[in-house]
Amino acid sequence: MALLEVRDLHSGYGDLPVVRGVSFDVDAGGIATVVGPNGAGKTTLLKTVTGLVRVWSGTVTFDGQDLGDIPAHARPELGLVMVPEGRKLFPFMTVEENLQMGGYAKSARPHLSASLDEVYELFPVLLERRKQLGGSLSGGEQQMCAIGRAVMAKPKLLILDEPSLGLAPIIVERILSLVRQLADKGMTVMLVEQNVHDALDMADRGYVLEQGEVVMTGTGQELLARDDLQAAYLGI
């Protein structure tokens, strides 16, 4: 069953179209991955789904509800939560304060203590660093903190925008492994990622975006087996 349904979505900036007629589903309990080259419109697509960019036409339906009139700040209350590209921590707040900000939504507040325990179990390094300022963490630790902050919001759908960006390969492997762990615990995940092979390898459903349009779709393994994708993105 689809938790998120996007149909014939168009959006952009000013008069510039970026997302052009995109349709896709994210099934409850699975991982959906969107891959594509720089400038394909991946981040704009996520911003449109989360309400940060206006829908020109088409529909975004989440958990059976049309999001057309729901502002961006209200969508986390519904369970739609995004970890933005670049992490966007509060650098002069401690790790624990950053995490607590994730539990600010009314629906998440009653679970604040239990959610904090859950995040520290997932990311033990954050427990060790809980009194450190967010801005003093390494890149990988900041990404863990940003994901942990999103988990604090009790999301029905966790959207991750380029979580491996700028991180060392060994840290990328750790971050993607943690994403898989969250999905195994029952969390629905939508992942936008330039690390094409690893992102599709863990995906139940994959979408390839080029110039604002979906040009390939299938299971992650089906897409990885396609010669045209291997030639375009994996150098094979």
Protein backbone atom coordinates (compact mmCIF):
# COMPACT_ATOMS: atom_id res chain seq x y z
CA MET A 1 0.00 0.00 0.00
CA ALA A 2 1.37 3.43 -0.97
CA LEU A 3 2.01 5.82 1.90
CA LEU A 4 3.04 8.61 -0.47
CA GLU A 5 1.49 9.03 -3.92
CA VAL A 6 2.75 11.67 -6.34
CA ARG A 7 0.89 12.17 -9.61
CA ASP A 8 1.88 14.28 -12.63
CA LEU A 9 3.79 16.72 -10.43
CA HIS A 10 5.11 19.97 -11.90
CA SER A 11 7.07 22.59 -9.96
CA GLY A 12 10.00 24.98 -10.23
CA TYR A 13 11.31 28.42 -9.36
CA GLY A 14 9.84 31.61 -10.79
CA ASP A 15 9.17 30.81 -14.44
CA LEU A 16 11.74 28.02 -14.54
CA PRO A 17 10.25 24.49 -14.62
CA VAL A 18 12.35 21.90 -12.78
CA VAL A 19 10.04 18.97 -11.96
CA ARG A 20 8.10 17.92 -15.06
CA GLY A 21 5.18 15.50 -14.80
CA VAL A 22 6.70 13.23 -12.15
CA SER A 23 4.64 10.33 -10.76
CA PHE A 24 5.81 7.78 -8.20
CA ASP A 25 4.76 5.86 -5.07
CA VAL A 26 6.48 5.14 -1.78
CA ASP A 27 5.05 1.97 -0.25
CA ALA A 28 4.55 1.74 3.50
CA GLY A 29 7.38 -0.10 5.22
CA GLY A 30 9.75 0.03 2.25
CA ILE A 31 12.67 2.05 0.90
CA ALA A 32 12.15 4.09 -2.26
CA THR A 33 15.27 5.57 -3.84
CA VAL A 34 15.52 8.43 -6.32
CA VAL A 35 18.82 8.72 -8.20
CA GLY A 36 20.01 10.89 -11.05
CA PRO A 37 22.76 13.29 -12.13
CA ASN A 38 23.42 16.73 -10.63
CA GLY A 39 20.74 19.17 -11.70
CA ALA A 40 18.16 16.45 -12.37
CA GLY A 41 15.66 18.04 -9.97
CA LYS A 42 15.97 15.57 -7.08
CA THR A 43 16.15 18.14 -4.28
CA THR A 44 13.43 20.27 -5.87
CA LEU A 45 11.23 17.18 -5.99
CA LEU A 46 11.72 16.61 -2.26
CA LYS A 47 11.10 20.27 -1.46
CA THR A 48 7.87 20.12 -3.44
CA VAL A 49 6.71 17.00 -1.60
CA THR A 50 7.48 18.63 1.77
CA GLY A 51 5.86 21.95 0.87
CA LEU A 52 8.98 24.10 0.62
CA VAL A 53 8.43 24.60 -3.13
CA ARG A 54 4.96 25.35 -4.51
CA VAL A 55 3.15 22.73 -6.60
CA TRP A 56 2.36 24.14 -10.04
CA SER A 57 0.11 21.24 -10.96
CA GLY A 58 -0.43 17.61 -10.02
CA THR A 59 -1.05 16.09 -6.61
CA VAL A 60 0.88 14.93 -3.54
CA THR A 61 -1.10 12.53 -1.35
CA PHE A 62 0.29 11.35 1.99
CA ASP A 63 -1.37 8.67 4.09
CA GLY A 64 -4.56 9.20 2.08
CA GLN A 65 -4.60 13.00 2.53
CA ASP A 66 -4.10 15.54 -0.25
CA LEU A 67 -1.31 17.86 0.92
CA GLY A 68 -2.24 20.67 -1.46
CA ASP A 69 -3.38 23.16 1.20
CA ILE A 70 -1.12 21.99 4.04
CA PRO A 71 1.88 24.29 4.69
CA ALA A 72 5.39 22.92 5.09
CA HIS A 73 5.55 23.55 8.84
CA ALA A 74 2.42 21.44 9.43
CA ARG A 75 3.56 18.39 7.47
CA PRO A 76 5.84 16.94 10.20
CA GLU A 77 2.76 16.73 12.44
CA LEU A 78 1.32 14.34 9.84
CA GLY A 79 4.48 12.22 9.94
CA LEU A 80 6.26 13.59 6.86
CA VAL A 81 9.81 14.46 7.96
CA MET A 82 12.90 15.35 5.89
CA VAL A 83 16.60 15.37 6.68
CA PRO A 84 17.84 18.14 4.35
CA GLU A 85 21.00 18.09 2.28
CA GLY A 86 23.83 19.57 4.35
CA ARG A 87 22.29 18.41 7.66
CA LYS A 88 21.31 21.91 8.91
CA LEU A 89 22.02 21.34 12.61
CA PHE A 90 21.84 24.17 15.13
CA PRO A 91 25.63 24.58 15.54
CA PHE A 92 25.58 26.38 18.91
CA MET A 93 23.14 23.97 20.55
CA THR A 94 24.31 20.70 22.09
CA VAL A 95 23.72 17.36 20.41
CA GLU A 96 20.96 16.57 22.89
CA GLU A 97 19.30 19.95 22.35
CA ASN A 98 19.39 19.37 18.59
CA LEU A 99 17.75 15.99 19.08
CA GLN A 100 15.10 17.43 21.39
CA MET A 101 14.18 19.97 18.71
CA GLY A 102 13.17 17.02 16.55
CA GLY A 103 10.61 16.01 19.16
CA TYR A 104 8.94 19.42 19.15
CA ALA A 105 5.93 18.33 17.08
CA LYS A 106 2.81 17.91 19.22
CA SER A 107 2.43 14.28 18.14
CA ALA A 108 6.05 13.51 19.15
CA ARG A 109 6.27 15.32 22.50
CA PRO A 110 4.69 12.56 24.64
CA HIS A 111 7.39 10.17 23.39
CA LEU A 112 10.38 12.49 23.91
CA SER A 113 12.23 10.43 26.52
CA ALA A 114 11.64 7.07 24.82
CA SER A 115 12.60 8.53 21.43
CA LEU A 116 15.84 9.90 22.88
CA ASP A 117 16.69 6.45 24.23
CA GLU A 118 15.92 4.96 20.80
CA VAL A 119 18.21 7.44 19.03
CA TYR A 120 21.05 6.85 21.48
CA GLU A 121 20.67 3.11 20.95
CA LEU A 122 20.85 3.57 17.18
CA PHE A 123 23.71 6.08 17.37
CA PRO A 124 25.83 5.34 20.49
CA VAL A 125 28.34 8.02 19.47
CA LEU A 126 25.64 10.66 19.97
CA LEU A 127 25.22 9.53 23.58
CA GLU A 128 28.97 10.05 24.07
CA ARG A 129 28.75 13.49 22.41
CA ARG A 130 25.41 14.60 23.86
CA LYS A 131 26.87 17.64 25.66
CA GLN A 132 29.00 18.72 22.68
CA LEU A 133 27.92 21.55 20.41
CA GLY A 134 26.39 20.33 17.16
CA GLY A 135 28.81 22.41 15.12
CA SER A 136 31.83 20.69 16.68
CA LEU A 137 30.91 17.22 15.42
CA SER A 138 32.57 15.54 12.47
CA GLY A 139 30.63 15.38 9.20
CA GLY A 140 29.52 11.80 9.81
CA GLU A 141 28.47 12.55 13.39
CA GLN A 142 26.51 15.58 12.20
CA GLN A 143 24.67 13.38 9.69
CA MET A 144 23.85 10.89 12.42
CA CYS A 145 22.58 13.74 14.60
CA ALA A 146 20.43 15.08 11.75
CA ILE A 147 18.91 11.63 11.15
CA GLY A 148 18.45 11.17 14.88
CA ARG A 149 16.67 14.53 15.11
CA ALA A 150 14.27 13.38 12.37
CA VAL A 151 13.65 10.05 14.15
CA MET A 152 12.69 12.05 17.25
CA ALA A 153 9.73 13.43 15.27
CA LYS A 154 8.22 9.90 15.02
CA PRO A 155 7.98 10.01 11.21
CA LYS A 156 5.68 7.81 9.17
CA LEU A 157 7.91 8.69 6.19
CA LEU A 158 11.56 9.66 6.64
CA ILE A 159 12.95 11.53 3.62
CA LEU A 160 16.74 11.75 3.30
CA ASP A 161 18.34 14.17 0.84
CA GLU A 162 21.89 13.11 -0.08
CA PRO A 163 22.88 11.70 3.34
CA SER A 164 26.29 10.56 2.05
CA LEU A 165 27.29 13.94 0.61
CA GLY A 166 30.84 14.91 1.55
CA LEU A 167 31.45 11.88 3.76
CA ALA A 168 34.29 9.35 3.64
CA PRO A 169 33.36 5.97 2.09
CA ILE A 170 33.56 4.10 5.41
CA ILE A 171 31.15 6.64 6.98
CA VAL A 172 28.82 6.42 3.97
CA GLU A 173 28.63 2.66 4.48
CA ARG A 174 27.76 3.20 8.16
CA ILE A 175 25.07 5.81 7.39
CA LEU A 176 23.38 3.66 4.73
CA SER A 177 23.52 0.65 7.05
CA LEU A 178 21.69 2.70 9.69
CA VAL A 179 19.07 3.71 7.12
CA ARG A 180 18.54 0.01 6.39
CA GLN A 181 18.19 -0.60 10.14
CA LEU A 182 15.45 2.03 10.39
CA ALA A 183 13.59 0.42 7.50
CA ASP A 184 13.95 -3.02 9.10
CA LYS A 185 12.31 -1.56 12.22
CA GLY A 186 9.28 -0.66 10.09
CA MET A 187 10.02 2.96 9.15
CA THR A 188 9.20 3.97 5.57
CA VAL A 189 12.14 5.71 3.89
CA MET A 190 12.53 7.82 0.76
CA LEU A 191 16.16 8.30 -0.16
CA VAL A 192 17.66 10.71 -2.67
CA GLU A 193 21.26 9.77 -3.27
CA GLN A 194 24.10 10.15 -5.79
CA ASN A 195 25.75 6.96 -4.55
CA VAL A 196 23.74 5.06 -7.17
CA HIS A 197 24.86 1.47 -6.63
CA ASP A 198 24.51 1.36 -2.84
CA ALA A 199 21.29 3.38 -2.86
CA LEU A 200 19.57 1.11 -5.40
CA ASP A 201 21.00 -2.04 -3.83
CA MET A 202 18.99 -1.34 -0.66
CA ALA A 203 15.86 -0.05 -2.43
CA ASP A 204 12.56 -1.87 -2.71
CA ARG A 205 11.64 0.60 -5.45
CA GLY A 206 13.89 2.86 -7.51
CA TYR A 207 13.33 5.87 -9.74
CA VAL A 208 15.86 7.51 -12.05
CA LEU A 209 15.31 11.24 -12.57
CA GLU A 210 16.79 13.16 -15.50
CA GLN A 211 15.99 16.76 -16.40
CA GLY A 212 13.04 16.73 -14.01
CA GLU A 213 11.42 13.59 -15.44
CA VAL A 214 11.34 9.95 -14.32
CA VAL A 215 13.11 8.01 -17.08
CA MET A 216 13.47 4.59 -15.44
CA THR A 217 11.60 2.78 -12.69
CA GLY A 218 11.66 -0.68 -11.15
CA THR A 219 12.93 -2.53 -8.12
CA GLY A 220 16.42 -1.58 -7.06
CA GLN A 221 17.82 -4.84 -8.40
CA GLU A 222 15.98 -4.50 -11.72
CA LEU A 223 17.49 -1.06 -12.26
CA LEU A 224 20.99 -2.20 -11.30
CA ALA A 225 20.72 -4.97 -13.90
CA ARG A 226 19.90 -2.55 -16.73
CA ASP A 227 22.75 -2.00 -19.17
CA ASP A 228 21.73 1.62 -19.85
CA LEU A 229 21.84 2.50 -16.15
CA GLN A 230 25.16 0.71 -15.68
CA ALA A 231 26.66 2.64 -18.61
CA ALA A 232 25.26 6.01 -17.55
CA TYR A 233 25.83 5.87 -13.80
CA LEU A 234 28.17 3.04 -12.88
CA GLY A 235 30.74 3.36 -15.66
CA ILE A 236 30.24 -0.28 -16.74
